[in-house]
Amino acid sequence: MFQCHVCKNASASHALVSEVFAVNSRRVLVERIPAEVCDRCGEPTFSSETTEKIRNLVHGSSIPVRTEALDVFALT
Protein backbone atom coordinates (compact mmCIF):
# COMPACT_ATOMS: atom_id res chain seq x y z
CA MET A 1 0.00 0.00 0.00
CA PHE A 2 1.27 3.46 -0.89
CA GLN A 3 2.00 6.06 1.76
CA CYS A 4 3.73 9.31 0.81
CA HIS A 5 6.89 9.84 2.86
CA VAL A 6 6.36 13.63 2.69
CA CYS A 7 2.68 14.21 3.53
CA LYS A 8 1.55 10.68 4.57
CA ASN A 9 -1.25 10.67 1.96
CA ALA A 10 -2.39 7.18 0.94
CA SER A 11 -3.31 7.75 -2.72
CA ALA A 12 -1.03 8.01 -5.74
CA SER A 13 -1.11 7.82 -9.51
CA HIS A 14 1.35 6.08 -11.80
CA ALA A 15 3.31 8.46 -14.03
CA LEU A 16 6.57 8.85 -15.92
CA VAL A 17 8.62 11.63 -14.35
CA SER A 18 11.94 13.40 -14.86
CA GLU A 19 14.41 14.03 -12.05
CA VAL A 20 17.77 15.80 -11.74
CA PHE A 21 20.34 13.90 -9.68
CA ALA A 22 23.69 15.05 -8.27
CA VAL A 23 26.41 12.65 -9.41
CA ASN A 24 29.82 13.55 -8.04
CA SER A 25 30.29 17.20 -9.09
CA ARG A 26 27.75 17.21 -11.93
CA ARG A 27 24.00 17.19 -12.37
CA VAL A 28 22.28 14.64 -14.58
CA LEU A 29 18.69 14.53 -15.83
CA VAL A 30 16.94 11.17 -16.03
CA GLU A 31 13.69 11.17 -18.00
CA ARG A 32 10.76 8.76 -18.26
CA ILE A 33 11.18 7.29 -14.77
CA PRO A 34 8.19 5.16 -13.72
CA ALA A 35 6.93 6.45 -10.38
CA GLU A 36 4.01 6.56 -8.01
CA VAL A 37 3.19 10.26 -7.64
CA CYS A 38 1.34 11.41 -4.53
CA ASP A 39 -2.11 12.73 -5.39
CA ARG A 40 -1.86 15.37 -2.65
CA CYS A 41 1.65 16.85 -2.77
CA GLY A 42 3.05 15.51 -6.06
CA GLU A 43 6.09 13.81 -4.52
CA PRO A 44 7.30 10.94 -6.74
CA THR A 45 8.24 7.60 -5.18
CA PHE A 46 10.37 5.04 -7.03
CA SER A 47 10.40 1.29 -6.52
CA SER A 48 13.64 -0.27 -5.29
CA GLU A 49 14.09 -1.87 -8.73
CA THR A 50 13.72 1.51 -10.45
CA THR A 51 16.10 3.13 -7.97
CA GLU A 52 18.71 0.48 -8.73
CA LYS A 53 18.26 0.97 -12.50
CA ILE A 54 18.77 4.73 -12.06
CA ARG A 55 21.88 4.15 -9.94
CA ASN A 56 23.36 1.80 -12.55
CA LEU A 57 22.47 4.21 -15.36
CA VAL A 58 24.10 7.33 -13.89
CA HIS A 59 27.10 5.61 -12.24
CA GLY A 60 27.76 3.06 -14.98
CA SER A 61 29.13 3.31 -18.48
CA SER A 62 25.84 4.33 -20.13
CA ILE A 63 25.99 7.02 -22.79
CA PRO A 64 23.56 9.97 -22.36
CA VAL A 65 20.92 10.30 -25.08
CA ARG A 66 21.71 14.02 -25.30
CA THR A 67 23.43 16.84 -23.42
CA GLU A 68 21.66 20.08 -22.47
CA ALA A 69 22.68 23.28 -20.71
CA LEU A 70 21.30 23.74 -17.20
CA ASP A 71 20.31 27.13 -15.77
CA VAL A 72 21.38 27.62 -12.15
CA PHE A 73 19.68 30.04 -9.78
CA ALA A 74 20.61 31.05 -6.22
CA LEU A 75 17.85 32.13 -3.88
CA THR A 76 20.14 34.07 -1.56
C-alpha atoms as a PDB file:
ATOM      1  CA  MET A   1       0.000   0.000   0.000  1.00  0.00           C
ATOM      2  CA  PHE A   2       1.267   3.463  -0.895  1.00  0.00           C
ATOM      3  CA  GLN A   3       2.005   6.063   1.762  1.00  0.00           C
ATOM      4  CA  CYS A   4       3.729   9.306   0.812  1.00  0.00           C
ATOM      5  CA  HIS A   5       6.885   9.839   2.859  1.00  0.00           C
ATOM      6  CA  VAL A   6       6.365  13.628   2.691  1.00  0.00           C
ATOM      7  CA  CYS A   7       2.675  14.206   3.525  1.00  0.00           C
ATOM      8  CA  LYS A   8       1.552  10.681   4.566  1.00  0.00           C
ATOM      9  CA  ASN A   9      -1.254  10.669   1.965  1.00  0.00           C
ATOM     10  CA  ALA A  10      -2.393   7.182   0.941  1.00  0.00           C
ATOM     11  CA  SER A  11      -3.309   7.745  -2.722  1.00  0.00           C
ATOM     12  CA  ALA A  12      -1.035   8.010  -5.738  1.00  0.00           C
ATOM     13  CA  SER A  13      -1.108   7.823  -9.510  1.00  0.00           C
ATOM     14  CA  HIS A  14       1.349   6.076 -11.800  1.00  0.00           C
ATOM     15  CA  ALA A  15       3.313   8.463 -14.026  1.00  0.00           C
ATOM     16  CA  LEU A  16       6.566   8.847 -15.921  1.00  0.00           C
ATOM     17  CA  VAL A  17       8.621  11.632 -14.346  1.00  0.00           C
ATOM     18  CA  SER A  18      11.941  13.402 -14.864  1.00  0.00           C
ATOM     19  CA  GLU A  19      14.415  14.027 -12.047  1.00  0.00           C
ATOM     20  CA  VAL A  20      17.772  15.797 -11.744  1.00  0.00           C
ATOM     21  CA  PHE A  21      20.342  13.897  -9.675  1.00  0.00           C
ATOM     22  CA  ALA A  22      23.687  15.049  -8.272  1.00  0.00           C
ATOM     23  CA  VAL A  23      26.409  12.650  -9.409  1.00  0.00           C
ATOM     24  CA  ASN A  24      29.824  13.548  -8.035  1.00  0.00           C
ATOM     25  CA  SER A  25      30.286  17.200  -9.088  1.00  0.00           C
ATOM     26  CA  ARG A  26      27.753  17.210 -11.928  1.00  0.00           C
ATOM     27  CA  ARG A  27      23.997  17.187 -12.367  1.00  0.00           C
ATOM     28  CA  VAL A  28      22.276  14.637 -14.585  1.00  0.00           C
ATOM     29  CA  LEU A  29      18.693  14.529 -15.826  1.00  0.00           C
ATOM     30  CA  VAL A  30      16.943  11.167 -16.026  1.00  0.00           C
ATOM     31  CA  GLU A  31      13.692  11.172 -18.000  1.00  0.00           C
ATOM     32  CA  ARG A  32      10.765   8.760 -18.257  1.00  0.00           C
ATOM     33  CA  ILE A  33      11.178   7.288 -14.773  1.00  0.00           C
ATOM     34  CA  PRO A  34       8.189   5.162 -13.716  1.00  0.00           C
ATOM     35  CA  ALA A  35       6.930   6.448 -10.377  1.00  0.00           C
ATOM     36  CA  GLU A  36       4.013   6.563  -8.008  1.00  0.00           C
ATOM     37  CA  VAL A  37       3.190  10.262  -7.639  1.00  0.00           C
ATOM     38  CA  CYS A  38       1.338  11.407  -4.527  1.00  0.00           C
ATOM     39  CA  ASP A  39      -2.109  12.726  -5.389  1.00  0.00           C
ATOM     40  CA  ARG A  40      -1.858  15.366  -2.650  1.00  0.00           C
ATOM     41  CA  CYS A  41       1.645  16.847  -2.769  1.00  0.00           C
ATOM     42  CA  GLY A  42       3.055  15.512  -6.058  1.00  0.00           C
ATOM     43  CA  GLU A  43       6.092  13.808  -4.519  1.00  0.00           C
ATOM     44  CA  PRO A  44       7.301  10.941  -6.744  1.00  0.00           C
ATOM     45  CA  THR A  45       8.244   7.600  -5.183  1.00  0.00           C
ATOM     46  CA  PHE A  46      10.366   5.041  -7.034  1.00  0.00           C
ATOM     47  CA  SER A  47      10.398   1.290  -6.520  1.00  0.00           C
ATOM     48  CA  SER A  48      13.638  -0.273  -5.289  1.00  0.00           C
ATOM     49  CA  GLU A  49      14.089  -1.869  -8.725  1.00  0.00           C
ATOM     50  CA  THR A  50      13.719   1.513 -10.448  1.00  0.00           C
ATOM     51  CA  THR A  51      16.098   3.134  -7.967  1.00  0.00           C
ATOM     52  CA  GLU A  52      18.709   0.478  -8.731  1.00  0.00           C
ATOM     53  CA  LYS A  53      18.263   0.971 -12.496  1.00  0.00           C
ATOM     54  CA  ILE A  54      18.771   4.735 -12.060  1.00  0.00           C
ATOM     55  CA  ARG A  55      21.878   4.147  -9.944  1.00  0.00           C
ATOM     56  CA  ASN A  56      23.359   1.799 -12.551  1.00  0.00           C
ATOM     57  CA  LEU A  57      22.471   4.213 -15.357  1.00  0.00           C
ATOM     58  CA  VAL A  58      24.099   7.325 -13.892  1.00  0.00           C
ATOM     59  CA  HIS A  59      27.095   5.614 -12.244  1.00  0.00           C
ATOM     60  CA  GLY A  60      27.756   3.057 -14.985  1.00  0.00           C
ATOM     61  CA  SER A  61      29.127   3.311 -18.476  1.00  0.00           C
ATOM     62  CA  SER A  62      25.842   4.327 -20.125  1.00  0.00           C
ATOM     63  CA  ILE A  63      25.987   7.025 -22.786  1.00  0.00           C
ATOM     64  CA  PRO A  64      23.556   9.969 -22.364  1.00  0.00           C
ATOM     65  CA  VAL A  65      20.925  10.296 -25.080  1.00  0.00           C
ATOM     66  CA  ARG A  66      21.712  14.019 -25.301  1.00  0.00           C
ATOM     67  CA  THR A  67      23.428  16.843 -23.417  1.00  0.00           C
ATOM     68  CA  GLU A  68      21.662  20.076 -22.472  1.00  0.00           C
ATOM     69  CA  ALA A  69      22.682  23.282 -20.711  1.00  0.00           C
ATOM     70  CA  LEU A  70      21.305  23.744 -17.202  1.00  0.00           C
ATOM     71  CA  ASP A  71      20.309  27.127 -15.773  1.00  0.00           C
ATOM     72  CA  VAL A  72      21.377  27.619 -12.155  1.00  0.00           C
ATOM     73  CA  PHE A  73      19.678  30.037  -9.776  1.00  0.00           C
ATOM     74  CA  ALA A  74      20.610  31.045  -6.223  1.00  0.00           C
ATOM     75  CA  LEU A  75      17.850  32.135  -3.876  1.00  0.00           C
ATOM     76  CA  THR A  76      20.145  34.072  -1.560  1.00  0.00           C
END
